C-alpha atoms as a PDB file:
ATOM      1  CA  UNK A   1      11.289  24.759  13.700  1.00  0.00           C
ATOM      2  CA  UNK A   2      12.738  27.022  16.474  1.00  0.00           C
ATOM      3  CA  UNK A   3      14.457  30.190  15.256  1.00  0.00           C
ATOM      4  CA  UNK A   4      16.629  31.994  17.891  1.00  0.00           C
ATOM      5  CA  UNK A   5      18.777  34.500  16.202  1.00  0.00           C
ATOM      6  CA  UNK A   6      22.398  33.317  16.691  1.00  0.00           C
ATOM      7  CA  UNK A   7      24.414  35.822  18.460  1.00  0.00           C
ATOM      8  CA  UNK A   8      27.384  36.151  16.080  1.00  0.00           C
ATOM      9  CA  UNK A   9      29.472  38.800  14.475  1.00  0.00           C
ATOM     10  CA  UNK A  10      27.722  40.679  11.624  1.00  0.00           C
ATOM     11  CA  UNK A  11      28.708  39.724   8.084  1.00  0.00           C
ATOM     12  CA  UNK A  12      27.075  42.718   6.631  1.00  0.00           C
ATOM     13  CA  UNK A  13      26.757  46.212   8.037  1.00  0.00           C
ATOM     14  CA  UNK A  14      25.126  49.085   6.303  1.00  0.00           C
ATOM     15  CA  UNK A  15      24.534  52.613   7.513  1.00  0.00           C
ATOM     16  CA  UNK A  16      22.641  55.491   5.945  1.00  0.00           C
ATOM     17  CA  UNK A  17      22.717  53.569   2.656  1.00  0.00           C
ATOM     18  CA  UNK A  18      21.260  55.549  -0.324  1.00  0.00           C
ATOM     19  CA  UNK A  19      21.126  54.817  -4.119  1.00  0.00           C
ATOM     20  CA  UNK A  20      20.039  57.480  -6.593  1.00  0.00           C
ATOM     21  CA  UNK A  21      19.654  56.628 -10.310  1.00  0.00           C
ATOM     22  CA  UNK A  22      19.783  59.732 -12.549  1.00  0.00           C
ATOM     23  CA  UNK A  23      19.770  63.418 -11.719  1.00  0.00           C
ATOM     24  CA  UNK A  24      17.446  66.333 -11.241  1.00  0.00           C
ATOM     25  CA  UNK A  25      13.775  65.936 -11.873  1.00  0.00           C
ATOM     26  CA  UNK A  26      14.244  62.363 -13.403  1.00  0.00           C
ATOM     27  CA  UNK A  27      16.231  61.027 -10.384  1.00  0.00           C
ATOM     28  CA  UNK A  28      15.033  57.772  -8.975  1.00  0.00           C
ATOM     29  CA  UNK A  29      15.644  57.192  -5.276  1.00  0.00           C
ATOM     30  CA  UNK A  30      16.016  53.375  -4.973  1.00  0.00           C
ATOM     31  CA  UNK A  31      17.422  53.491  -1.382  1.00  0.00           C
ATOM     32  CA  UNK A  32      16.716  56.061   1.220  1.00  0.00           C
ATOM     33  CA  UNK A  33      18.996  55.863   4.198  1.00  0.00           C
ATOM     34  CA  UNK A  34      18.970  52.068   4.929  1.00  0.00           C
ATOM     35  CA  UNK A  35      20.578  50.705   8.108  1.00  0.00           C
ATOM     36  CA  UNK A  36      21.128  46.944   8.174  1.00  0.00           C
ATOM     37  CA  UNK A  37      23.088  44.240  10.114  1.00  0.00           C
ATOM     38  CA  UNK A  38      23.035  40.614   9.033  1.00  0.00           C
ATOM     39  CA  UNK A  39      24.899  37.982  11.120  1.00  0.00           C
ATOM     40  CA  UNK A  40      26.809  34.894  10.353  1.00  0.00           C
ATOM     41  CA  UNK A  41      24.552  31.924   9.401  1.00  0.00           C
ATOM     42  CA  UNK A  42      21.314  33.955   9.460  1.00  0.00           C
ATOM     43  CA  UNK A  43      18.613  33.431   6.955  1.00  0.00           C
ATOM     44  CA  UNK A  44      17.069  36.748   5.995  1.00  0.00           C
ATOM     45  CA  UNK A  45      14.054  37.461   3.664  1.00  0.00           C
ATOM     46  CA  UNK A  46      13.840  40.914   2.018  1.00  0.00           C
ATOM     47  CA  UNK A  47      10.154  41.279   1.291  1.00  0.00           C
ATOM     48  CA  UNK A  48       8.609  43.997  -0.792  1.00  0.00           C
ATOM     49  CA  UNK A  49       6.722  45.028  -3.846  1.00  0.00           C
ATOM     50  CA  UNK A  50       8.556  45.617  -7.218  1.00  0.00           C
ATOM     51  CA  UNK A  51      10.306  48.963  -6.966  1.00  0.00           C
ATOM     52  CA  UNK A  52      10.724  48.864  -3.178  1.00  0.00           C
ATOM     53  CA  UNK A  53      14.535  48.784  -3.341  1.00  0.00           C
ATOM     54  CA  UNK A  54      15.211  45.161  -2.339  1.00  0.00           C
ATOM     55  CA  UNK A  55      17.131  44.153  -5.522  1.00  0.00           C
ATOM     56  CA  UNK A  56      19.240  47.342  -5.214  1.00  0.00           C
ATOM     57  CA  UNK A  57      20.175  46.631  -1.718  1.00  0.00           C
ATOM     58  CA  UNK A  58      20.989  42.917  -2.541  1.00  0.00           C
ATOM     59  CA  UNK A  59      23.122  44.078  -5.480  1.00  0.00           C
ATOM     60  CA  UNK A  60      25.102  46.555  -3.355  1.00  0.00           C
ATOM     61  CA  UNK A  61      25.765  43.833  -0.679  1.00  0.00           C
ATOM     62  CA  UNK A  62      26.858  41.465  -3.465  1.00  0.00           C
ATOM     63  CA  UNK A  63      29.238  44.005  -5.075  1.00  0.00           C
ATOM     64  CA  UNK A  64      27.215  44.050  -8.296  1.00  0.00           C
ATOM     65  CA  UNK A  65      26.324  47.809  -7.677  1.00  0.00           C
ATOM     66  CA  UNK A  66      27.614  50.592  -5.477  1.00  0.00           C
ATOM     67  CA  UNK A  67      25.751  53.092  -3.357  1.00  0.00           C
ATOM     68  CA  UNK A  68      25.459  56.811  -3.868  1.00  0.00           C
ATOM     69  CA  UNK A  69      26.235  57.520  -0.191  1.00  0.00           C
ATOM     70  CA  UNK A  70      26.493  55.764   3.109  1.00  0.00           C
ATOM     71  CA  UNK A  71      28.551  52.859   4.041  1.00  0.00           C
ATOM     72  CA  UNK A  72      28.233  49.033   3.463  1.00  0.00           C
ATOM     73  CA  UNK A  73      30.973  46.757   4.987  1.00  0.00           C
ATOM     74  CA  UNK A  74      31.342  42.962   5.058  1.00  0.00           C
ATOM     75  CA  UNK A  75      33.350  41.030   7.486  1.00  0.00           C
ATOM     76  CA  UNK A  76      35.383  37.818   6.783  1.00  0.00           C
ATOM     77  CA  UNK A  77      38.021  36.144   8.962  1.00  0.00           C
ATOM     78  CA  UNK A  78      37.943  38.962  11.472  1.00  0.00           C
ATOM     79  CA  UNK A  79      38.606  41.618   8.900  1.00  0.00           C
ATOM     80  CA  UNK A  80      36.061  44.300   7.775  1.00  0.00           C
ATOM     81  CA  UNK A  81      36.108  45.534   4.293  1.00  0.00           C
ATOM     82  CA  UNK A  82      34.241  48.506   2.969  1.00  0.00           C
ATOM     83  CA  UNK A  83      32.199  47.851  -0.325  1.00  0.00           C
ATOM     84  CA  UNK A  84      31.517  51.417  -1.071  1.00  0.00           C
ATOM     85  CA  UNK A  85      34.441  53.022  -2.846  1.00  0.00           C
ATOM     86  CA  UNK A  86      36.091  49.532  -3.535  1.00  0.00           C
ATOM     87  CA  UNK A  87      37.646  49.447  -7.013  1.00  0.00           C
ATOM     88  CA  UNK A  88      36.521  47.044  -9.669  1.00  0.00           C
ATOM     89  CA  UNK A  89      39.338  44.621  -8.923  1.00  0.00           C
ATOM     90  CA  UNK A  90      38.377  44.378  -5.264  1.00  0.00           C
ATOM     91  CA  UNK A  91      34.692  43.925  -6.043  1.00  0.00           C
ATOM     92  CA  UNK A  92      35.554  41.238  -8.642  1.00  0.00           C
ATOM     93  CA  UNK A  93      37.634  39.328  -6.211  1.00  0.00           C
ATOM     94  CA  UNK A  94      34.929  39.714  -3.550  1.00  0.00           C
ATOM     95  CA  UNK A  95      32.179  38.280  -5.760  1.00  0.00           C
ATOM     96  CA  UNK A  96      34.338  35.541  -7.006  1.00  0.00           C
ATOM     97  CA  UNK A  97      35.642  34.404  -3.722  1.00  0.00           C
ATOM     98  CA  UNK A  98      32.988  35.186  -1.124  1.00  0.00           C
ATOM     99  CA  UNK A  99      29.478  35.509  -2.710  1.00  0.00           C
ATOM    100  CA  UNK A 100      27.154  32.900  -4.351  1.00  0.00           C
ATOM    101  CA  UNK A 101      24.401  34.360  -6.462  1.00  0.00           C
ATOM    102  CA  UNK A 102      21.079  32.773  -7.425  1.00  0.00           C
ATOM    103  CA  UNK A 103      18.776  34.672  -9.740  1.00  0.00           C
ATOM    104  CA  UNK A 104      15.184  34.184 -11.004  1.00  0.00           C
ATOM    105  CA  UNK A 105      16.644  32.942 -14.445  1.00  0.00           C
ATOM    106  CA  UNK A 106      19.036  30.130 -14.150  1.00  0.00           C
ATOM    107  CA  UNK A 107      21.750  31.271 -16.702  1.00  0.00           C
ATOM    108  CA  UNK A 108      22.931  27.610 -17.417  1.00  0.00           C
ATOM    109  CA  UNK A 109      24.968  26.628 -20.484  1.00  0.00           C
ATOM    110  CA  UNK A 110      22.675  24.235 -22.407  1.00  0.00           C
ATOM    111  CA  UNK A 111      25.589  22.382 -24.071  1.00  0.00           C
ATOM    112  CA  UNK A 112      26.954  21.392 -20.723  1.00  0.00           C
ATOM    113  CA  UNK A 113      25.812  18.845 -18.127  1.00  0.00           C
ATOM    114  CA  UNK A 114      24.677  19.790 -14.707  1.00  0.00           C
ATOM    115  CA  UNK A 115      28.105  18.757 -13.396  1.00  0.00           C
ATOM    116  CA  UNK A 116      29.931  20.715 -16.032  1.00  0.00           C
ATOM    117  CA  UNK A 117      27.887  23.808 -15.330  1.00  0.00           C
ATOM    118  CA  UNK A 118      28.813  23.631 -11.714  1.00  0.00           C
ATOM    119  CA  UNK A 119      32.532  22.809 -12.520  1.00  0.00           C
ATOM    120  CA  UNK A 120      32.672  26.189 -14.431  1.00  0.00           C
ATOM    121  CA  UNK A 121      32.689  27.837 -10.902  1.00  0.00           C
ATOM    122  CA  UNK A 122      34.803  25.345  -9.048  1.00  0.00           C
ATOM    123  CA  UNK A 123      37.623  25.684 -11.578  1.00  0.00           C
ATOM    124  CA  UNK A 124      37.908  29.306 -10.566  1.00  0.00           C
ATOM    125  CA  UNK A 125      37.378  29.120  -6.753  1.00  0.00           C
ATOM    126  CA  UNK A 126      40.212  29.048  -4.151  1.00  0.00           C
ATOM    127  CA  UNK A 127      38.655  26.327  -1.996  1.00  0.00           C
ATOM    128  CA  UNK A 128      35.834  24.678  -3.868  1.00  0.00           C
ATOM    129  CA  UNK A 129      33.791  21.525  -3.071  1.00  0.00           C
ATOM    130  CA  UNK A 130      33.469  18.921  -5.564  1.00  0.00           C
ATOM    131  CA  UNK A 131      30.635  19.563  -8.247  1.00  0.00           C
ATOM    132  CA  UNK A 132      29.229  16.211  -7.397  1.00  0.00           C
ATOM    133  CA  UNK A 133      29.022  17.054  -3.746  1.00  0.00           C
ATOM    134  CA  UNK A 134      27.317  20.347  -4.480  1.00  0.00           C
ATOM    135  CA  UNK A 135      24.736  18.660  -6.658  1.00  0.00           C
ATOM    136  CA  UNK A 136      24.212  15.909  -4.000  1.00  0.00           C
ATOM    137  CA  UNK A 137      23.546  18.741  -1.441  1.00  0.00           C
ATOM    138  CA  UNK A 138      20.576  20.061  -3.492  1.00  0.00           C
ATOM    139  CA  UNK A 139      19.329  16.713  -4.231  1.00  0.00           C
ATOM    140  CA  UNK A 140      20.572  16.203  -7.836  1.00  0.00           C
ATOM    141  CA  UNK A 141      23.247  13.504  -7.295  1.00  0.00           C
ATOM    142  CA  UNK A 142      21.507  11.237  -9.636  1.00  0.00           C
ATOM    143  CA  UNK A 143      21.153  13.932 -12.388  1.00  0.00           C
ATOM    144  CA  UNK A 144      24.695  15.233 -12.642  1.00  0.00           C
ATOM    145  CA  UNK A 145      25.282  13.910 -16.141  1.00  0.00           C
ATOM    146  CA  UNK A 146      22.042  15.221 -17.552  1.00  0.00           C
ATOM    147  CA  UNK A 147      22.025  18.283 -19.945  1.00  0.00           C
ATOM    148  CA  UNK A 148      19.993  21.340 -19.266  1.00  0.00           C
ATOM    149  CA  UNK A 149      17.214  20.415 -21.652  1.00  0.00           C
ATOM    150  CA  UNK A 150      16.830  17.110 -19.838  1.00  0.00           C
ATOM    151  CA  UNK A 151      16.106  18.909 -16.495  1.00  0.00           C
ATOM    152  CA  UNK A 152      12.805  20.456 -15.289  1.00  0.00           C
ATOM    153  CA  UNK A 153      12.704  24.207 -14.340  1.00  0.00           C
ATOM    154  CA  UNK A 154      13.087  23.374 -10.575  1.00  0.00           C
ATOM    155  CA  UNK A 155      16.137  21.071 -11.356  1.00  0.00           C
ATOM    156  CA  UNK A 156      17.737  23.773 -13.353  1.00  0.00           C
ATOM    157  CA  UNK A 157      17.284  26.192 -10.594  1.00  0.00           C
ATOM    158  CA  UNK A 158      18.804  23.613  -8.130  1.00  0.00           C
ATOM    159  CA  UNK A 159      21.817  23.302 -10.466  1.00  0.00           C
ATOM    160  CA  UNK A 160      22.123  27.105 -10.245  1.00  0.00           C
ATOM    161  CA  UNK A 161      22.044  26.841  -6.403  1.00  0.00           C
ATOM    162  CA  UNK A 162      24.694  24.019  -6.540  1.00  0.00           C
ATOM    163  CA  UNK A 163      26.862  26.319  -8.801  1.00  0.00           C
ATOM    164  CA  UNK A 164      26.583  29.094  -6.408  1.00  0.00           C
ATOM    165  CA  UNK A 165      27.432  27.120  -3.266  1.00  0.00           C
ATOM    166  CA  UNK A 166      30.217  24.978  -4.957  1.00  0.00           C
ATOM    167  CA  UNK A 167      32.838  27.689  -4.354  1.00  0.00           C
ATOM    168  CA  UNK A 168      31.994  27.577  -0.573  1.00  0.00           C
ATOM    169  CA  UNK A 169      30.798  31.192  -0.456  1.00  0.00           C
ATOM    170  CA  UNK A 170      30.495  33.101   2.893  1.00  0.00           C
ATOM    171  CA  UNK A 171      27.090  34.370   1.707  1.00  0.00           C
ATOM    172  CA  UNK A 172      24.399  33.139  -0.636  1.00  0.00           C
ATOM    173  CA  UNK A 173      22.343  35.972  -2.247  1.00  0.00           C
ATOM    174  CA  UNK A 174      19.143  34.908  -3.899  1.00  0.00           C
ATOM    175  CA  UNK A 175      16.987  37.322  -6.091  1.00  0.00           C
ATOM    176  CA  UNK A 176      13.466  35.949  -6.605  1.00  0.00           C
ATOM    177  CA  UNK A 177      14.730  32.256  -6.850  1.00  0.00           C
ATOM    178  CA  UNK A 178      11.144  30.922  -7.263  1.00  0.00           C
ATOM    179  CA  UNK A 179       9.828  33.712  -9.472  1.00  0.00           C
ATOM    180  CA  UNK A 180       9.574  31.654 -12.608  1.00  0.00           C
ATOM    181  CA  UNK A 181       8.361  28.454 -10.869  1.00  0.00           C
ATOM    182  CA  UNK A 182       4.940  27.088  -9.683  1.00  0.00           C
ATOM    183  CA  UNK A 183       4.366  26.510  -5.970  1.00  0.00           C
ATOM    184  CA  UNK A 184       5.316  22.884  -5.837  1.00  0.00           C
ATOM    185  CA  UNK A 185       8.496  23.345  -7.829  1.00  0.00           C
ATOM    186  CA  UNK A 186       9.309  26.541  -5.933  1.00  0.00           C
ATOM    187  CA  UNK A 187       9.045  24.658  -2.581  1.00  0.00           C
ATOM    188  CA  UNK A 188      11.752  22.141  -3.786  1.00  0.00           C
ATOM    189  CA  UNK A 189      14.044  25.002  -4.664  1.00  0.00           C
ATOM    190  CA  UNK A 190      13.430  26.634  -1.276  1.00  0.00           C
ATOM    191  CA  UNK A 191      14.149  23.273   0.526  1.00  0.00           C
ATOM    192  CA  UNK A 192      17.513  23.234  -1.338  1.00  0.00           C
ATOM    193  CA  UNK A 193      18.286  26.761  -0.145  1.00  0.00           C
ATOM    194  CA  UNK A 194      17.115  25.916   3.351  1.00  0.00           C
ATOM    195  CA  UNK A 195      19.352  22.834   3.475  1.00  0.00           C
ATOM    196  CA  UNK A 196      22.386  24.908   2.355  1.00  0.00           C
ATOM    197  CA  UNK A 197      21.816  27.406   5.147  1.00  0.00           C
ATOM    198  CA  UNK A 198      21.378  24.801   7.811  1.00  0.00           C
ATOM    199  CA  UNK A 199      24.000  22.309   6.723  1.00  0.00           C
ATOM    200  CA  UNK A 200      26.819  24.598   5.585  1.00  0.00           C
ATOM    201  CA  UNK A 201      25.946  27.549   7.851  1.00  0.00           C
ATOM    202  CA  UNK A 202      25.955  29.781   4.846  1.00  0.00           C
ATOM    203  CA  UNK A 203      24.586  33.316   5.522  1.00  0.00           C
ATOM    204  CA  UNK A 204      21.556  33.480   3.292  1.00  0.00           C
ATOM    205  CA  UNK A 205      19.571  36.548   1.935  1.00  0.00           C
ATOM    206  CA  UNK A 206      16.484  35.822  -0.237  1.00  0.00           C
ATOM    207  CA  UNK A 207      14.572  38.475  -2.061  1.00  0.00           C
ATOM    208  CA  UNK A 208      10.797  37.887  -2.819  1.00  0.00           C
ATOM    209  CA  UNK A 209       7.496  39.624  -3.212  1.00  0.00           C
ATOM    210  CA  UNK A 210       5.899  36.367  -2.025  1.00  0.00           C
ATOM    211  CA  UNK A 211       4.857  36.829   1.639  1.00  0.00           C
ATOM    212  CA  UNK A 212       4.541  33.102   2.579  1.00  0.00           C
ATOM    213  CA  UNK A 213       8.131  32.446   1.880  1.00  0.00           C
ATOM    214  CA  UNK A 214       9.141  34.915   4.650  1.00  0.00           C
ATOM    215  CA  UNK A 215       7.888  32.444   7.181  1.00  0.00           C
ATOM    216  CA  UNK A 216      11.053  30.182   6.643  1.00  0.00           C
ATOM    217  CA  UNK A 217      13.299  33.031   7.562  1.00  0.00           C
ATOM    218  CA  UNK A 218      15.146  33.874  10.811  1.00  0.00           C
ATOM    219  CA  UNK A 219      14.234  37.475  10.182  1.00  0.00           C
ATOM    220  CA  UNK A 220      12.153  39.397   7.708  1.00  0.00           C
ATOM    221  CA  UNK A 221      12.848  42.910   6.492  1.00  0.00           C
ATOM    222  CA  UNK A 222       9.993  44.488   4.643  1.00  0.00           C
ATOM    223  CA  UNK A 223      11.034  47.303   2.213  1.00  0.00           C
ATOM    224  CA  UNK A 224       8.905  50.046   0.693  1.00  0.00           C
ATOM    225  CA  UNK A 225       9.952  53.106  -1.205  1.00  0.00           C
ATOM    226  CA  UNK A 226      13.697  52.451  -0.555  1.00  0.00           C
ATOM    227  CA  UNK A 227      13.329  52.052   3.113  1.00  0.00           C
ATOM    228  CA  UNK A 228      13.142  49.320   5.674  1.00  0.00           C
ATOM    229  CA  UNK A 229       9.656  49.780   7.072  1.00  0.00           C
ATOM    230  CA  UNK A 230       9.279  46.678   9.222  1.00  0.00           C
ATOM    231  CA  UNK A 231      11.626  44.057  10.781  1.00  0.00           C
ATOM    232  CA  UNK A 232      10.271  40.836  12.038  1.00  0.00           C
ATOM    233  CA  UNK A 233      11.906  37.918  13.858  1.00  0.00           C
ATOM    234  CA  UNK A 234      10.291  34.483  13.321  1.00  0.00           C
ATOM    235  CA  UNK A 235      10.414  32.869  16.758  1.00  0.00           C
ATOM    236  CA  UNK A 236       9.221  29.658  15.043  1.00  0.00           C
ATOM    237  CA  UNK A 237      10.329  29.145  11.474  1.00  0.00           C
ATOM    238  CA  UNK A 238       8.211  27.265   8.997  1.00  0.00           C
ATOM    239  CA  UNK A 239       9.854  24.438   7.057  1.00  0.00           C
ATOM    240  CA  UNK A 240      10.084  25.137   3.334  1.00  0.00           C
ATOM    241  CA  UNK A 241       8.119  21.883   2.764  1.00  0.00           C
ATOM    242  CA  UNK A 242       5.134  23.360   4.565  1.00  0.00           C
ATOM    243  CA  UNK A 243       4.869  26.491   2.510  1.00  0.00           C
ATOM    244  CA  UNK A 244       1.995  27.153   0.094  1.00  0.00           C
ATOM    245  CA  UNK A 245       1.068  30.043  -1.966  1.00  0.00           C
END
């Protein structure tokens, strides 16, 4: 798979981004002056060990956390919005309308079917796709009326992906989406994320500590001790179906 970086406007722009938890001798420096641009449609993997700062960075980009200093902007429809300093109402609207989240644990409601779990999001979104269409996109069109207990772990994670994309978000942010899965099941989940990025053009950021997953990205950013210590462009992407770990 060829992987030229698309020359497009940045969706995210971060400059001198820092995050400190606590004060004094007990302060934890989670981010130390991060500079970052992510462009429209790009598939980026944030790679690093536990405690490297990748989840903190993702949470700031997703409006779930705020930085201690620096700037973090996102651009939509030609308008640039500053995330740092935005109030709770602005961040809530940003998360609801523009960001899809996928986490390691699926957070599905067991008493609802796959379709009903996805519909919880589409009922709130401004311009959603049909739950059935979102589930079809991740390969679960035949499982939409199954309850959570009737689905495998990989299928549950794909329902979570369908739920995230059903509101047609500008960006999809995934925090260790295969962390609770074996390799074969994880590959199926990554294929679903890959498909969303390719077919919908959704800007996608995936956190992982698993180096082989980075081969499917357009660009890989390796974090250590709160800093981006390496940036790599994959001139030839590896299809998710070919990954193994």
